């Protein structure tokens, strides 16, 4: 059944066409093949060489309308900062006890924040958290003494992005149930963040291709010329 739905969704996409952002985000809602409220995702292929340190990009952006997901946030902190994290809405807060709990196999969270004084201990979890993209990092604002702001931003829809080995950046735009306007505004936020993150060492065309899709749904290619023209006009 899933294969049949995918084939039907694929028929809605003109394979010889590149879509304007608004058209693509309206169409992507029609190509969802799941019974649940699927996520809308975006994939950028960038003109960067992931093997070179001066062409790495990593950062975070707060989506104006969030992701539609409930994010479980943990905070590594002590004393007043631990109490600040709890008051801000963190799901689990701890110090050495939380490090030990994760080292023991507990992984029921979606984002991790740490105060700088905890990083010596949290660093021991690098092999566990790193591959999952959960390691707190100053570049993404998740190593900070301003834990209140960090927790609130993650809960509100802050997402992290980073270049993978194939020179791609993947991100979540929201849910199929989102109005198209909200998906467009979330897309614009990610697009502008990646533009600002462009390394000085980048050569040639930066955005090579961009496509949107739903969870398990087909990709819809976006018109790069219209993307850059739209951004310049703003």
Protein backbone atom coordinates (compact mmCIF):
# COMPACT_ATOMS: atom_id res chain seq x y z
CA UNK A 1 0.00 0.00 0.00
CA UNK A 2 2.83 2.39 0.91
CA UNK A 3 4.43 1.74 -2.51
CA UNK A 4 1.15 2.49 -4.28
CA UNK A 5 0.71 5.74 -2.35
CA UNK A 6 4.27 6.77 -3.18
CA UNK A 7 3.68 6.08 -6.88
CA UNK A 8 0.49 8.18 -6.80
CA UNK A 9 2.33 11.02 -5.02
CA UNK A 10 5.11 10.85 -7.59
CA UNK A 11 2.59 11.47 -10.40
CA UNK A 12 1.79 14.88 -8.87
CA UNK A 13 5.36 16.06 -9.43
CA UNK A 14 6.53 17.22 -12.85
CA UNK A 15 10.01 15.65 -13.08
CA UNK A 16 11.08 18.13 -15.76
CA UNK A 17 10.27 21.18 -13.67
CA UNK A 18 11.88 23.20 -10.88
CA UNK A 19 9.31 24.64 -8.49
CA UNK A 20 9.05 28.03 -6.83
CA UNK A 21 9.26 27.73 -3.02
CA UNK A 22 5.58 28.49 -2.41
CA UNK A 23 4.45 26.07 -5.13
CA UNK A 24 6.74 23.34 -3.79
CA UNK A 25 5.54 23.76 -0.22
CA UNK A 26 1.91 23.65 -1.30
CA UNK A 27 2.58 20.55 -3.38
CA UNK A 28 4.59 18.79 -0.68
CA UNK A 29 1.50 18.76 1.55
CA UNK A 30 -0.34 16.82 -1.18
CA UNK A 31 2.41 14.21 -1.55
CA UNK A 32 2.40 12.94 2.03
CA UNK A 33 2.06 9.14 2.01
CA UNK A 34 1.62 8.54 5.75
CA UNK A 35 -1.51 8.36 7.88
CA UNK A 36 0.11 10.48 10.60
CA UNK A 37 0.96 14.20 10.45
CA UNK A 38 4.29 13.80 8.64
CA UNK A 39 7.22 16.16 8.96
CA UNK A 40 8.16 18.40 6.03
CA UNK A 41 11.90 18.22 5.41
CA UNK A 42 14.35 20.13 3.27
CA UNK A 43 17.68 19.02 1.80
CA UNK A 44 20.35 21.39 0.49
CA UNK A 45 23.29 20.16 -1.59
CA UNK A 46 26.04 22.73 -1.24
CA UNK A 47 29.14 23.51 -3.28
CA UNK A 48 31.47 22.76 -0.37
CA UNK A 49 34.18 20.18 0.24
CA UNK A 50 33.40 18.50 3.59
CA UNK A 51 37.00 17.22 3.79
CA UNK A 52 38.32 20.76 4.23
CA UNK A 53 38.12 22.38 7.65
CA UNK A 54 37.63 25.85 6.18
CA UNK A 55 34.51 24.68 4.33
CA UNK A 56 32.63 23.20 7.29
CA UNK A 57 29.39 24.79 8.40
CA UNK A 58 27.50 24.16 11.59
CA UNK A 59 25.02 26.28 13.44
CA UNK A 60 21.48 26.69 14.65
CA UNK A 61 18.42 28.71 13.74
CA UNK A 62 15.15 29.35 15.56
CA UNK A 63 12.26 28.60 13.21
CA UNK A 64 9.59 31.32 13.53
CA UNK A 65 6.84 28.70 13.73
CA UNK A 66 8.72 25.81 15.33
CA UNK A 67 8.91 22.26 14.00
CA UNK A 68 5.61 20.94 15.28
CA UNK A 69 7.50 18.42 17.39
CA UNK A 70 7.55 18.15 21.17
CA UNK A 71 11.24 18.41 22.06
CA UNK A 72 12.56 16.69 25.19
CA UNK A 73 15.41 18.80 26.55
CA UNK A 74 18.01 17.82 29.13
CA UNK A 75 20.42 20.22 30.83
CA UNK A 76 23.75 19.47 32.47
CA UNK A 77 24.06 22.09 35.21
CA UNK A 78 24.63 22.59 38.93
CA UNK A 79 23.20 24.79 41.67
CA UNK A 80 21.44 27.98 40.60
CA UNK A 81 21.85 27.14 36.90
CA UNK A 82 20.16 23.79 37.46
CA UNK A 83 17.23 25.51 39.13
CA UNK A 84 17.13 28.07 36.28
CA UNK A 85 16.93 25.23 33.75
CA UNK A 86 14.09 23.55 35.63
CA UNK A 87 12.16 26.82 35.82
CA UNK A 88 12.64 27.33 32.06
CA UNK A 89 10.97 24.00 31.30
CA UNK A 90 13.85 21.54 30.87
CA UNK A 91 12.59 17.96 31.04
CA UNK A 92 15.56 16.55 32.95
CA UNK A 93 18.32 18.43 34.78
CA UNK A 94 21.41 16.96 36.45
CA UNK A 95 25.18 17.01 36.71
CA UNK A 96 27.39 13.97 37.33
CA UNK A 97 24.32 11.83 38.00
CA UNK A 98 22.90 12.67 34.55
CA UNK A 99 26.27 11.97 32.89
CA UNK A 100 26.32 8.55 34.57
CA UNK A 101 22.70 7.86 33.58
CA UNK A 102 23.46 8.50 29.89
CA UNK A 103 26.71 6.53 30.08
CA UNK A 104 24.56 3.67 31.34
CA UNK A 105 22.40 3.73 28.20
CA UNK A 106 19.55 6.17 28.90
CA UNK A 107 18.77 8.22 25.78
CA UNK A 108 15.19 9.47 26.15
CA UNK A 109 15.78 13.06 25.01
CA UNK A 110 15.99 15.09 21.79
CA UNK A 111 18.36 17.94 22.71
CA UNK A 112 21.09 18.52 25.30
CA UNK A 113 22.33 21.77 26.82
CA UNK A 114 25.26 22.21 29.19
CA UNK A 115 26.85 25.00 31.20
CA UNK A 116 30.55 25.48 30.34
CA UNK A 117 31.69 24.25 33.77
CA UNK A 118 30.02 20.87 33.07
CA UNK A 119 31.74 20.20 29.74
CA UNK A 120 34.72 18.40 31.26
CA UNK A 121 32.28 15.74 32.48
CA UNK A 122 29.92 15.87 29.50
CA UNK A 123 32.91 15.46 27.17
CA UNK A 124 33.19 11.85 28.32
CA UNK A 125 29.88 11.21 26.53
CA UNK A 126 31.26 12.33 23.15
CA UNK A 127 31.22 8.84 21.65
CA UNK A 128 27.58 8.42 22.65
CA UNK A 129 26.18 11.88 21.95
CA UNK A 130 28.39 12.94 19.03
CA UNK A 131 27.19 10.43 16.40
CA UNK A 132 23.57 11.25 17.31
CA UNK A 133 24.09 15.00 16.91
CA UNK A 134 23.26 15.54 20.58
CA UNK A 135 26.60 16.79 21.91
CA UNK A 136 26.32 20.31 23.39
CA UNK A 137 28.35 22.75 21.30
CA UNK A 138 29.12 26.48 21.70
CA UNK A 139 28.56 27.01 17.94
CA UNK A 140 24.92 26.02 18.28
CA UNK A 141 24.34 27.88 21.54
CA UNK A 142 23.94 24.71 23.59
CA UNK A 143 27.01 25.32 25.77
CA UNK A 144 26.08 28.43 27.72
CA UNK A 145 25.44 29.89 31.16
CA UNK A 146 22.24 31.46 29.78
CA UNK A 147 20.37 28.19 30.23
CA UNK A 148 16.96 29.86 30.44
CA UNK A 149 17.28 31.31 26.96
CA UNK A 150 18.82 28.12 25.56
CA UNK A 151 16.00 25.91 26.88
CA UNK A 152 13.28 28.31 25.71
CA UNK A 153 14.77 28.55 22.20
CA UNK A 154 15.02 24.78 21.79
CA UNK A 155 11.48 24.32 23.07
CA UNK A 156 10.26 27.06 20.68
CA UNK A 157 11.71 25.38 17.60
CA UNK A 158 15.45 25.94 17.45
CA UNK A 159 17.06 23.44 15.09
CA UNK A 160 20.71 22.64 14.45
CA UNK A 161 22.24 22.16 11.03
CA UNK A 162 25.60 20.84 9.86
CA UNK A 163 27.27 19.78 6.64
CA UNK A 164 27.39 15.99 6.21
CA UNK A 165 30.00 13.93 4.36
CA UNK A 166 28.07 14.25 1.10
CA UNK A 167 28.05 18.08 1.28
CA UNK A 168 24.36 18.09 2.22
CA UNK A 169 22.43 19.88 4.94
CA UNK A 170 19.12 18.40 6.08
CA UNK A 171 16.55 20.20 8.22
CA UNK A 172 12.93 19.94 9.36
CA UNK A 173 10.58 22.71 8.20
CA UNK A 174 7.48 21.74 10.16
CA UNK A 175 4.48 19.45 9.71
CA UNK A 176 2.14 18.71 6.81
CA UNK A 177 -0.65 20.27 8.89
CA UNK A 178 1.15 23.65 8.97
CA UNK A 179 -0.35 26.38 6.76
CA UNK A 180 1.82 26.90 3.67
CA UNK A 181 2.71 30.46 4.80
CA UNK A 182 4.30 29.10 7.99
CA UNK A 183 6.31 26.51 6.07
CA UNK A 184 7.51 29.24 3.72
CA UNK A 185 8.62 31.47 6.61
CA UNK A 186 10.42 28.56 8.30
CA UNK A 187 12.10 27.76 4.98
CA UNK A 188 13.19 31.36 4.57
CA UNK A 189 14.77 31.32 8.04
CA UNK A 190 16.84 28.22 7.23
CA UNK A 191 17.80 29.48 3.77
CA UNK A 192 19.01 32.82 5.13
CA UNK A 193 20.93 31.11 7.96
CA UNK A 194 22.79 28.96 5.43
CA UNK A 195 23.54 32.00 3.28
CA UNK A 196 25.08 33.78 6.27
CA UNK A 197 27.06 30.65 7.15
CA UNK A 198 28.71 30.48 3.71
CA UNK A 199 32.46 29.98 4.28
CA UNK A 200 34.86 32.50 2.76
CA UNK A 201 36.68 29.56 1.17
CA UNK A 202 33.60 28.45 -0.79
CA UNK A 203 34.17 28.51 -4.54
CA UNK A 204 31.67 28.55 -7.40
CA UNK A 205 27.95 27.94 -6.94
CA UNK A 206 27.09 27.62 -3.25
CA UNK A 207 23.55 26.21 -3.49
CA UNK A 208 23.79 23.32 -5.97
CA UNK A 209 20.30 21.90 -5.43
CA UNK A 210 17.44 22.15 -2.94
CA UNK A 211 14.46 19.84 -2.51
CA UNK A 212 11.58 19.45 -0.08
CA UNK A 213 9.74 16.27 0.88
CA UNK A 214 7.59 14.75 3.57
CA UNK A 215 8.55 11.82 5.76
CA UNK A 216 8.77 8.86 3.33
CA UNK A 217 7.45 11.04 0.48
CA UNK A 218 9.09 11.97 -2.87
CA UNK A 219 11.37 14.98 -3.22
CA UNK A 220 10.29 18.17 -5.00
CA UNK A 221 13.15 20.20 -6.55
CA UNK A 222 13.21 23.96 -6.02
CA UNK A 223 14.17 26.64 -8.54
CA UNK A 224 17.49 28.03 -7.27
CA UNK A 225 17.25 31.19 -9.38
CA UNK A 226 13.90 32.04 -7.85
CA UNK A 227 15.29 31.34 -4.38
CA UNK A 228 18.15 33.81 -4.68
CA UNK A 229 15.99 36.39 -6.45
CA UNK A 230 13.39 36.20 -3.67
CA UNK A 231 16.05 36.65 -1.01
CA UNK A 232 17.64 39.63 -2.77
CA UNK A 233 14.26 41.32 -3.10
CA UNK A 234 13.64 41.28 0.63
